[in-house]
C-alpha cells in the first residue's frame, strides 16, 4: 500500500535493488526463495 517516493524509501530501507529501466525489484537470496534439490541418503 505504498507508491512513489514512499515505496522507493521503503525498498531502500529493506536493502533491495531496483532496476530503473524495467522497474523490477531484486529480492536477495535466502533459504526460502532458493530452489535447491536435496538428496537424502
ModelCIF file with pLDDT and N, C-alpha, C, O atoms, coordinates in Angstrom:
data_MODEL
#
_entry.id   MODEL 
#
_entity.id                         1 
_entity.type                       polymer 
_entity.pdbx_number_of_molecules   1 
#
_entity_poly.entity_id                      1 
_entity_poly.type                           'polypeptide(L)' 
_entity_poly.nstd_linkage                   no 
_entity_poly.nstd_monomer                   no 
_entity_poly.pdbx_seq_one_letter_code       
;(UNK)(UNK)(UNK)(UNK)(UNK)(UNK)(UNK)(UNK)(UNK)(UNK)(UNK)(UNK)(UNK)(UNK)(UNK)(UNK)
(UNK)(UNK)(UNK)(UNK)(UNK)(UNK)(UNK)(UNK)(UNK)(UNK)(UNK)(UNK)(UNK)(UNK)(UNK)(UNK)
(UNK)(UNK)(UNK)(UNK)(UNK)(UNK)(UNK)(UNK)(UNK)
;
_entity_poly.pdbx_seq_one_letter_code_can   XXXXXXXXXXXXXXXXXXXXXXXXXXXXXXXXXXXXXXXXX 
_entity_poly.pdbx_strand_id                 A 
#
loop_
_entity_poly_seq.entity_id 
_entity_poly_seq.num 
_entity_poly_seq.mon_id 
_entity_poly_seq.hetero 
1 1  UNK n 
1 2  UNK n 
1 3  UNK n 
1 4  UNK n 
1 5  UNK n 
1 6  UNK n 
1 7  UNK n 
1 8  UNK n 
1 9  UNK n 
1 10 UNK n 
1 11 UNK n 
1 12 UNK n 
1 13 UNK n 
1 14 UNK n 
1 15 UNK n 
1 16 UNK n 
1 17 UNK n 
1 18 UNK n 
1 19 UNK n 
1 20 UNK n 
1 21 UNK n 
1 22 UNK n 
1 23 UNK n 
1 24 UNK n 
1 25 UNK n 
1 26 UNK n 
1 27 UNK n 
1 28 UNK n 
1 29 UNK n 
1 30 UNK n 
1 31 UNK n 
1 32 UNK n 
1 33 UNK n 
1 34 UNK n 
1 35 UNK n 
1 36 UNK n 
1 37 UNK n 
1 38 UNK n 
1 39 UNK n 
1 40 UNK n 
1 41 UNK n 
#
_struct_asym.id          A 
_struct_asym.entity_id   1 
#
loop_
_ma_qa_metric.id 
_ma_qa_metric.mode 
_ma_qa_metric.name 
_ma_qa_metric.software_group_id 
_ma_qa_metric.type 
1 global pLDDT . pLDDT 
2 local  pLDDT . pLDDT 
#
_ma_qa_metric_global.metric_id      1 
_ma_qa_metric_global.metric_value   88.90 
_ma_qa_metric_global.model_id       1 
_ma_qa_metric_global.ordinal_id     1 
#
loop_
_ma_qa_metric_local.label_asym_id 
_ma_qa_metric_local.label_comp_id 
_ma_qa_metric_local.label_seq_id 
_ma_qa_metric_local.metric_id 
_ma_qa_metric_local.metric_value 
_ma_qa_metric_local.model_id 
_ma_qa_metric_local.ordinal_id 
A UNK 1  2 96.00 1 1  
A UNK 2  2 95.00 1 2  
A UNK 3  2 93.00 1 3  
A UNK 4  2 92.00 1 4  
A UNK 5  2 93.00 1 5  
A UNK 6  2 95.00 1 6  
A UNK 7  2 94.00 1 7  
A UNK 8  2 93.00 1 8  
A UNK 9  2 94.00 1 9  
A UNK 10 2 95.00 1 10 
A UNK 11 2 94.00 1 11 
A UNK 12 2 93.00 1 12 
A UNK 13 2 94.00 1 13 
A UNK 14 2 93.00 1 14 
A UNK 15 2 92.00 1 15 
A UNK 16 2 93.00 1 16 
A UNK 17 2 92.00 1 17 
A UNK 18 2 91.00 1 18 
A UNK 19 2 90.00 1 19 
A UNK 20 2 87.00 1 20 
A UNK 21 2 89.00 1 21 
A UNK 22 2 91.00 1 22 
A UNK 23 2 89.00 1 23 
A UNK 24 2 94.00 1 24 
A UNK 25 2 94.00 1 25 
A UNK 26 2 93.00 1 26 
A UNK 27 2 93.00 1 27 
A UNK 28 2 92.00 1 28 
A UNK 29 2 90.00 1 29 
A UNK 30 2 88.00 1 30 
A UNK 31 2 86.00 1 31 
A UNK 32 2 86.00 1 32 
A UNK 33 2 85.00 1 33 
A UNK 34 2 84.00 1 34 
A UNK 35 2 77.00 1 35 
A UNK 36 2 75.00 1 36 
A UNK 37 2 73.00 1 37 
A UNK 38 2 73.00 1 38 
A UNK 39 2 76.00 1 39 
A UNK 40 2 78.00 1 40 
A UNK 41 2 80.00 1 41 
#
loop_
_atom_site.group_PDB 
_atom_site.id 
_atom_site.type_symbol 
_atom_site.label_atom_id 
_atom_site.label_alt_id 
_atom_site.label_comp_id 
_atom_site.label_asym_id 
_atom_site.label_entity_id 
_atom_site.label_seq_id 
_atom_site.pdbx_PDB_ins_code 
_atom_site.Cartn_x 
_atom_site.Cartn_y 
_atom_site.Cartn_z 
_atom_site.occupancy 
_atom_site.B_iso_or_equiv 
_atom_site.pdbx_formal_charge 
_atom_site.auth_seq_id 
_atom_site.auth_comp_id 
_atom_site.auth_asym_id 
_atom_site.auth_atom_id 
_atom_site.pdbx_PDB_model_num 
ATOM 1   N N  . UNK A 1 1  ? 0.833  -1.201  0.000   1.00 96.00 ? 1  UNK A N  1 
ATOM 2   C CA . UNK A 1 1  ? 0.000  0.000   0.000   1.00 96.00 ? 1  UNK A CA 1 
ATOM 3   C C  . UNK A 1 1  ? 0.867  1.250   0.000   1.00 96.00 ? 1  UNK A C  1 
ATOM 4   O O  . UNK A 1 1  ? 0.609  2.211   0.725   1.00 96.00 ? 1  UNK A O  1 
ATOM 5   N N  . UNK A 1 2  ? 1.904  1.212   -0.833  1.00 95.00 ? 2  UNK A N  1 
ATOM 6   C CA . UNK A 1 2  ? 2.816  2.338   -0.969  1.00 95.00 ? 2  UNK A CA 1 
ATOM 7   C C  . UNK A 1 2  ? 3.039  2.613   -2.448  1.00 95.00 ? 2  UNK A C  1 
ATOM 8   O O  . UNK A 1 2  ? 2.875  1.731   -3.290  1.00 95.00 ? 2  UNK A O  1 
ATOM 9   N N  . UNK A 1 3  ? 3.414  3.845   -2.750  1.00 93.00 ? 3  UNK A N  1 
ATOM 10  C CA . UNK A 1 3  ? 3.719  4.211   -4.132  1.00 93.00 ? 3  UNK A CA 1 
ATOM 11  C C  . UNK A 1 3  ? 4.651  5.414   -4.118  1.00 93.00 ? 3  UNK A C  1 
ATOM 12  O O  . UNK A 1 3  ? 4.817  6.087   -3.101  1.00 93.00 ? 3  UNK A O  1 
ATOM 13  N N  . UNK A 1 4  ? 5.260  5.665   -5.285  1.00 92.00 ? 4  UNK A N  1 
ATOM 14  C CA . UNK A 1 4  ? 6.107  6.837   -5.430  1.00 92.00 ? 4  UNK A CA 1 
ATOM 15  C C  . UNK A 1 4  ? 7.305  6.834   -4.508  1.00 92.00 ? 4  UNK A C  1 
ATOM 16  O O  . UNK A 1 4  ? 7.892  5.782   -4.254  1.00 92.00 ? 4  UNK A O  1 
ATOM 17  N N  . UNK A 1 5  ? 7.679  8.012   -3.997  1.00 93.00 ? 5  UNK A N  1 
ATOM 18  C CA . UNK A 1 5  ? 8.863  8.108   -3.129  1.00 93.00 ? 5  UNK A CA 1 
ATOM 19  C C  . UNK A 1 5  ? 8.757  7.264   -1.863  1.00 93.00 ? 5  UNK A C  1 
ATOM 20  O O  . UNK A 1 5  ? 9.769  6.776   -1.360  1.00 93.00 ? 5  UNK A O  1 
ATOM 21  N N  . UNK A 1 6  ? 7.538  7.084   -1.339  1.00 95.00 ? 6  UNK A N  1 
ATOM 22  C CA . UNK A 1 6  ? 7.390  6.268   -0.131  1.00 95.00 ? 6  UNK A CA 1 
ATOM 23  C C  . UNK A 1 6  ? 7.798  4.826   -0.391  1.00 95.00 ? 6  UNK A C  1 
ATOM 24  O O  . UNK A 1 6  ? 8.458  4.196   0.435   1.00 95.00 ? 6  UNK A O  1 
ATOM 25  N N  . UNK A 1 7  ? 7.396  4.309   -1.557  1.00 94.00 ? 7  UNK A N  1 
ATOM 26  C CA . UNK A 1 7  ? 7.781  2.945   -1.902  1.00 94.00 ? 7  UNK A CA 1 
ATOM 27  C C  . UNK A 1 7  ? 9.289  2.847   -2.116  1.00 94.00 ? 7  UNK A C  1 
ATOM 28  O O  . UNK A 1 7  ? 9.919  1.891   -1.664  1.00 94.00 ? 7  UNK A O  1 
ATOM 29  N N  . UNK A 1 8  ? 9.867  3.824   -2.799  1.00 93.00 ? 8  UNK A N  1 
ATOM 30  C CA . UNK A 1 8  ? 11.320 3.810   -3.029  1.00 93.00 ? 8  UNK A CA 1 
ATOM 31  C C  . UNK A 1 8  ? 12.092 3.832   -1.710  1.00 93.00 ? 8  UNK A C  1 
ATOM 32  O O  . UNK A 1 8  ? 13.080 3.116   -1.546  1.00 93.00 ? 8  UNK A O  1 
ATOM 33  N N  . UNK A 1 9  ? 11.633 4.656   -0.779  1.00 94.00 ? 9  UNK A N  1 
ATOM 34  C CA . UNK A 1 9  ? 12.316 4.736   0.513   1.00 94.00 ? 9  UNK A CA 1 
ATOM 35  C C  . UNK A 1 9  ? 12.176 3.427   1.282   1.00 94.00 ? 9  UNK A C  1 
ATOM 36  O O  . UNK A 1 9  ? 13.113 3.006   1.960   1.00 94.00 ? 9  UNK A O  1 
ATOM 37  N N  . UNK A 1 10 ? 11.032 2.789   1.185   1.00 95.00 ? 10 UNK A N  1 
ATOM 38  C CA . UNK A 1 10 ? 10.817 1.533   1.893   1.00 95.00 ? 10 UNK A CA 1 
ATOM 39  C C  . UNK A 1 10 ? 11.697 0.431   1.304   1.00 95.00 ? 10 UNK A C  1 
ATOM 40  O O  . UNK A 1 10 ? 12.301 -0.346  2.043   1.00 95.00 ? 10 UNK A O  1 
ATOM 41  N N  . UNK A 1 11 ? 11.768 0.366   -0.023  1.00 94.00 ? 11 UNK A N  1 
ATOM 42  C CA . UNK A 1 11 ? 12.602 -0.645  -0.671  1.00 94.00 ? 11 UNK A CA 1 
ATOM 43  C C  . UNK A 1 11 ? 14.078 -0.413  -0.330  1.00 94.00 ? 11 UNK A C  1 
ATOM 44  O O  . UNK A 1 11 ? 14.825 -1.367  -0.113  1.00 94.00 ? 11 UNK A O  1 
ATOM 45  N N  . UNK A 1 12 ? 14.486 0.840   -0.286  1.00 93.00 ? 12 UNK A N  1 
ATOM 46  C CA . UNK A 1 12 ? 15.871 1.151   0.063   1.00 93.00 ? 12 UNK A CA 1 
ATOM 47  C C  . UNK A 1 12 ? 16.172 0.734   1.498   1.00 93.00 ? 12 UNK A C  1 
ATOM 48  O O  . UNK A 1 12 ? 17.266 0.253   1.793   1.00 93.00 ? 12 UNK A O  1 
ATOM 49  N N  . UNK A 1 13 ? 15.202 0.918   2.387   1.00 94.00 ? 13 UNK A N  1 
ATOM 50  C CA . UNK A 1 13 ? 15.394 0.517   3.777   1.00 94.00 ? 13 UNK A CA 1 
ATOM 51  C C  . UNK A 1 13 ? 15.542 -0.991  3.891   1.00 94.00 ? 13 UNK A C  1 
ATOM 52  O O  . UNK A 1 13 ? 16.265 -1.479  4.760   1.00 94.00 ? 13 UNK A O  1 
ATOM 53  N N  . UNK A 1 14 ? 14.859 -1.742  3.017   1.00 93.00 ? 14 UNK A N  1 
ATOM 54  C CA . UNK A 1 14 ? 14.978 -3.193  3.022   1.00 93.00 ? 14 UNK A CA 1 
ATOM 55  C C  . UNK A 1 14 ? 16.309 -3.669  2.457   1.00 93.00 ? 14 UNK A C  1 
ATOM 56  O O  . UNK A 1 14 ? 16.706 -4.812  2.683   1.00 93.00 ? 14 UNK A O  1 
ATOM 57  N N  . UNK A 1 15 ? 16.998 -2.801  1.725   1.00 92.00 ? 15 UNK A N  1 
ATOM 58  C CA . UNK A 1 15 ? 18.249 -3.196  1.110   1.00 92.00 ? 15 UNK A CA 1 
ATOM 59  C C  . UNK A 1 15 ? 18.072 -3.907  -0.214  1.00 92.00 ? 15 UNK A C  1 
ATOM 60  O O  . UNK A 1 15 ? 19.002 -4.562  -0.686  1.00 92.00 ? 15 UNK A O  1 
ATOM 61  N N  . UNK A 1 16 ? 16.897 -3.797  -0.829  1.00 93.00 ? 16 UNK A N  1 
ATOM 62  C CA . UNK A 1 16 ? 16.639 -4.420  -2.115  1.00 93.00 ? 16 UNK A CA 1 
ATOM 63  C C  . UNK A 1 16 ? 17.010 -3.447  -3.232  1.00 93.00 ? 16 UNK A C  1 
ATOM 64  O O  . UNK A 1 16 ? 16.960 -2.230  -3.051  1.00 93.00 ? 16 UNK A O  1 
ATOM 65  N N  . UNK A 1 17 ? 17.380 -3.994  -4.381  1.00 92.00 ? 17 UNK A N  1 
ATOM 66  C CA . UNK A 1 17 ? 17.801 -3.172  -5.506  1.00 92.00 ? 17 UNK A CA 1 
ATOM 67  C C  . UNK A 1 17 ? 16.684 -3.075  -6.543  1.00 92.00 ? 17 UNK A C  1 
ATOM 68  O O  . UNK A 1 17 ? 15.911 -4.014  -6.735  1.00 92.00 ? 17 UNK A O  1 
ATOM 69  N N  . UNK A 1 18 ? 16.617 -1.929  -7.204  1.00 91.00 ? 18 UNK A N  1 
ATOM 70  C CA . UNK A 1 18 ? 15.580 -1.672  -8.205  1.00 91.00 ? 18 UNK A CA 1 
ATOM 71  C C  . UNK A 1 18 ? 16.244 -1.387  -9.536  1.00 91.00 ? 18 UNK A C  1 
ATOM 72  O O  . UNK A 1 18 ? 17.160 -0.569  -9.615  1.00 91.00 ? 18 UNK A O  1 
ATOM 73  N N  . UNK A 1 19 ? 15.786 -2.059  -10.584 1.00 90.00 ? 19 UNK A N  1 
ATOM 74  C CA . UNK A 1 19 ? 16.235 -1.774  -11.942 1.00 90.00 ? 19 UNK A CA 1 
ATOM 75  C C  . UNK A 1 19 ? 15.396 -0.616  -12.474 1.00 90.00 ? 19 UNK A C  1 
ATOM 76  O O  . UNK A 1 19 ? 14.203 -0.775  -12.732 1.00 90.00 ? 19 UNK A O  1 
ATOM 77  N N  . UNK A 1 20 ? 16.019 0.541   -12.636 1.00 87.00 ? 20 UNK A N  1 
ATOM 78  C CA . UNK A 1 20 ? 15.272 1.740   -13.025 1.00 87.00 ? 20 UNK A CA 1 
ATOM 79  C C  . UNK A 1 20 ? 14.653 1.608   -14.406 1.00 87.00 ? 20 UNK A C  1 
ATOM 80  O O  . UNK A 1 20 ? 13.609 2.205   -14.668 1.00 87.00 ? 20 UNK A O  1 
ATOM 81  N N  . UNK A 1 21 ? 15.273 0.838   -15.295 1.00 89.00 ? 21 UNK A N  1 
ATOM 82  C CA . UNK A 1 21 ? 14.754 0.725   -16.664 1.00 89.00 ? 21 UNK A CA 1 
ATOM 83  C C  . UNK A 1 21 ? 13.538 -0.186  -16.753 1.00 89.00 ? 21 UNK A C  1 
ATOM 84  O O  . UNK A 1 21 ? 12.629 0.072   -17.541 1.00 89.00 ? 21 UNK A O  1 
ATOM 85  N N  . UNK A 1 22 ? 13.512 -1.244  -15.957 1.00 91.00 ? 22 UNK A N  1 
ATOM 86  C CA . UNK A 1 22 ? 12.414 -2.210  -16.024 1.00 91.00 ? 22 UNK A CA 1 
ATOM 87  C C  . UNK A 1 22 ? 11.458 -2.120  -14.842 1.00 91.00 ? 22 UNK A C  1 
ATOM 88  O O  . UNK A 1 22 ? 10.341 -2.634  -14.909 1.00 91.00 ? 22 UNK A O  1 
ATOM 89  N N  . UNK A 1 23 ? 11.880 -1.481  -13.773 1.00 89.00 ? 23 UNK A N  1 
ATOM 90  C CA . UNK A 1 23 ? 11.042 -1.410  -12.582 1.00 89.00 ? 23 UNK A CA 1 
ATOM 91  C C  . UNK A 1 23 ? 10.969 -2.710  -11.807 1.00 89.00 ? 23 UNK A C  1 
ATOM 92  O O  . UNK A 1 23 ? 10.064 -2.905  -10.996 1.00 89.00 ? 23 UNK A O  1 
ATOM 93  N N  . UNK A 1 24 ? 11.915 -3.597  -12.053 1.00 94.00 ? 24 UNK A N  1 
ATOM 94  C CA . UNK A 1 24 ? 11.939 -4.889  -11.357 1.00 94.00 ? 24 UNK A CA 1 
ATOM 95  C C  . UNK A 1 24 ? 12.811 -4.761  -10.114 1.00 94.00 ? 24 UNK A C  1 
ATOM 96  O O  . UNK A 1 24 ? 13.922 -4.234  -10.165 1.00 94.00 ? 24 UNK A O  1 
ATOM 97  N N  . UNK A 1 25 ? 12.288 -5.250  -9.011  1.00 94.00 ? 25 UNK A N  1 
ATOM 98  C CA . UNK A 1 25 ? 12.998 -5.204  -7.733  1.00 94.00 ? 25 UNK A CA 1 
ATOM 99  C C  . UNK A 1 25 ? 13.569 -6.592  -7.455  1.00 94.00 ? 25 UNK A C  1 
ATOM 100 O O  . UNK A 1 25 ? 12.850 -7.590  -7.507  1.00 94.00 ? 25 UNK A O  1 
ATOM 101 N N  . UNK A 1 26 ? 14.862 -6.647  -7.161  1.00 93.00 ? 26 UNK A N  1 
ATOM 102 C CA . UNK A 1 26 ? 15.531 -7.917  -6.881  1.00 93.00 ? 26 UNK A CA 1 
ATOM 103 C C  . UNK A 1 26 ? 15.500 -8.196  -5.387  1.00 93.00 ? 26 UNK A C  1 
ATOM 104 O O  . UNK A 1 26 ? 15.916 -7.376  -4.569  1.00 93.00 ? 26 UNK A O  1 
ATOM 105 N N  . UNK A 1 27 ? 14.997 -9.370  -5.060  1.00 93.00 ? 27 UNK A N  1 
ATOM 106 C CA . UNK A 1 27 ? 14.938 -9.800  -3.657  1.00 93.00 ? 27 UNK A CA 1 
ATOM 107 C C  . UNK A 1 27 ? 16.193 -10.612 -3.366  1.00 93.00 ? 27 UNK A C  1 
ATOM 108 O O  . UNK A 1 27 ? 16.457 -11.580 -4.078  1.00 93.00 ? 27 UNK A O  1 
ATOM 109 N N  . UNK A 1 28 ? 16.965 -10.264 -2.365  1.00 92.00 ? 28 UNK A N  1 
ATOM 110 C CA . UNK A 1 28 ? 18.191 -11.015 -2.068  1.00 92.00 ? 28 UNK A CA 1 
ATOM 111 C C  . UNK A 1 28 ? 17.898 -12.483 -1.801  1.00 92.00 ? 28 UNK A C  1 
ATOM 112 O O  . UNK A 1 28 ? 16.841 -12.825 -1.271  1.00 92.00 ? 28 UNK A O  1 
ATOM 113 N N  . UNK A 1 29 ? 18.838 -13.352 -2.169  1.00 90.00 ? 29 UNK A N  1 
ATOM 114 C CA . UNK A 1 29 ? 18.620 -14.791 -1.934  1.00 90.00 ? 29 UNK A CA 1 
ATOM 115 C C  . UNK A 1 29 ? 18.567 -15.114 -0.447  1.00 90.00 ? 29 UNK A C  1 
ATOM 116 O O  . UNK A 1 29 ? 19.273 -14.525 0.372   1.00 90.00 ? 29 UNK A O  1 
ATOM 117 N N  . UNK A 1 30 ? 17.712 -16.063 -0.134  1.00 88.00 ? 30 UNK A N  1 
ATOM 118 C CA . UNK A 1 30 ? 17.588 -16.548 1.229   1.00 88.00 ? 30 UNK A CA 1 
ATOM 119 C C  . UNK A 1 30 ? 17.155 -18.008 1.153   1.00 88.00 ? 30 UNK A C  1 
ATOM 120 O O  . UNK A 1 30 ? 16.752 -18.459 0.080   1.00 88.00 ? 30 UNK A O  1 
ATOM 121 N N  . UNK A 1 31 ? 17.222 -18.762 2.244   1.00 86.00 ? 31 UNK A N  1 
ATOM 122 C CA . UNK A 1 31 ? 16.898 -20.199 2.179   1.00 86.00 ? 31 UNK A CA 1 
ATOM 123 C C  . UNK A 1 31 ? 15.506 -20.497 1.661   1.00 86.00 ? 31 UNK A C  1 
ATOM 124 O O  . UNK A 1 31 ? 15.271 -21.595 1.158   1.00 86.00 ? 31 UNK A O  1 
ATOM 125 N N  . UNK A 1 32 ? 14.567 -19.555 1.765   1.00 86.00 ? 32 UNK A N  1 
ATOM 126 C CA . UNK A 1 32 ? 13.192 -19.825 1.346   1.00 86.00 ? 32 UNK A CA 1 
ATOM 127 C C  . UNK A 1 32 ? 12.966 -19.622 -0.145  1.00 86.00 ? 32 UNK A C  1 
ATOM 128 O O  . UNK A 1 32 ? 12.166 -20.342 -0.744  1.00 86.00 ? 32 UNK A O  1 
ATOM 129 N N  . UNK A 1 33 ? 13.651 -18.657 -0.761  1.00 85.00 ? 33 UNK A N  1 
ATOM 130 C CA . UNK A 1 33 ? 13.380 -18.382 -2.179  1.00 85.00 ? 33 UNK A CA 1 
ATOM 131 C C  . UNK A 1 33 ? 14.404 -19.003 -3.120  1.00 85.00 ? 33 UNK A C  1 
ATOM 132 O O  . UNK A 1 33 ? 14.390 -18.722 -4.319  1.00 85.00 ? 33 UNK A O  1 
ATOM 133 N N  . UNK A 1 34 ? 15.290 -19.841 -2.596  1.00 84.00 ? 34 UNK A N  1 
ATOM 134 C CA . UNK A 1 34 ? 16.259 -20.541 -3.429  1.00 84.00 ? 34 UNK A CA 1 
ATOM 135 C C  . UNK A 1 34 ? 15.840 -21.995 -3.584  1.00 84.00 ? 34 UNK A C  1 
ATOM 136 O O  . UNK A 1 34 ? 15.730 -22.727 -2.601  1.00 84.00 ? 34 UNK A O  1 
ATOM 137 N N  . UNK A 1 35 ? 15.605 -22.410 -4.833  1.00 77.00 ? 35 UNK A N  1 
ATOM 138 C CA . UNK A 1 35 ? 15.194 -23.782 -5.112  1.00 77.00 ? 35 UNK A CA 1 
ATOM 139 C C  . UNK A 1 35 ? 16.444 -24.629 -5.302  1.00 77.00 ? 35 UNK A C  1 
ATOM 140 O O  . UNK A 1 35 ? 17.171 -24.461 -6.281  1.00 77.00 ? 35 UNK A O  1 
ATOM 141 N N  . UNK A 1 36 ? 16.687 -25.520 -4.386  1.00 75.00 ? 36 UNK A N  1 
ATOM 142 C CA . UNK A 1 36 ? 17.846 -26.402 -4.459  1.00 75.00 ? 36 UNK A CA 1 
ATOM 143 C C  . UNK A 1 36 ? 17.390 -27.830 -4.175  1.00 75.00 ? 36 UNK A C  1 
ATOM 144 O O  . UNK A 1 36 ? 16.701 -28.101 -3.191  1.00 75.00 ? 36 UNK A O  1 
ATOM 145 N N  . UNK A 1 37 ? 17.792 -28.728 -5.058  1.00 73.00 ? 37 UNK A N  1 
ATOM 146 C CA . UNK A 1 37 ? 17.437 -30.128 -4.850  1.00 73.00 ? 37 UNK A CA 1 
ATOM 147 C C  . UNK A 1 37 ? 18.276 -30.715 -3.725  1.00 73.00 ? 37 UNK A C  1 
ATOM 148 O O  . UNK A 1 37 ? 19.473 -30.449 -3.616  1.00 73.00 ? 37 UNK A O  1 
ATOM 149 N N  . UNK A 1 38 ? 17.651 -31.485 -2.924  1.00 73.00 ? 38 UNK A N  1 
ATOM 150 C CA . UNK A 1 38 ? 18.321 -32.111 -1.784  1.00 73.00 ? 38 UNK A CA 1 
ATOM 151 C C  . UNK A 1 38 ? 18.139 -33.625 -1.863  1.00 73.00 ? 38 UNK A C  1 
ATOM 152 O O  . UNK A 1 38 ? 17.020 -34.129 -1.960  1.00 73.00 ? 38 UNK A O  1 
ATOM 153 N N  . UNK A 1 39 ? 19.250 -34.328 -1.821  1.00 76.00 ? 39 UNK A N  1 
ATOM 154 C CA . UNK A 1 39 ? 19.225 -35.784 -1.866  1.00 76.00 ? 39 UNK A CA 1 
ATOM 155 C C  . UNK A 1 39 ? 19.523 -36.307 -0.465  1.00 76.00 ? 39 UNK A C  1 
ATOM 156 O O  . UNK A 1 39 ? 20.573 -36.024 0.113   1.00 76.00 ? 39 UNK A O  1 
ATOM 157 N N  . UNK A 1 40 ? 18.601 -37.055 0.051   1.00 78.00 ? 40 UNK A N  1 
ATOM 158 C CA . UNK A 1 40 ? 18.759 -37.626 1.382   1.00 78.00 ? 40 UNK A CA 1 
ATOM 159 C C  . UNK A 1 40 ? 19.046 -39.120 1.238   1.00 78.00 ? 40 UNK A C  1 
ATOM 160 O O  . UNK A 1 40 ? 18.244 -39.871 0.682   1.00 78.00 ? 40 UNK A O  1 
ATOM 161 N N  . UNK A 1 41 ? 20.173 -39.523 1.734   1.00 80.00 ? 41 UNK A N  1 
ATOM 162 C CA . UNK A 1 41 ? 20.569 -40.932 1.669   1.00 80.00 ? 41 UNK A CA 1 
ATOM 163 C C  . UNK A 1 41 ? 20.654 -41.490 3.084   1.00 80.00 ? 41 UNK A C  1 
ATOM 164 O O  . UNK A 1 41 ? 20.973 -42.665 3.266   1.00 80.00 ? 41 UNK A O  1 
#
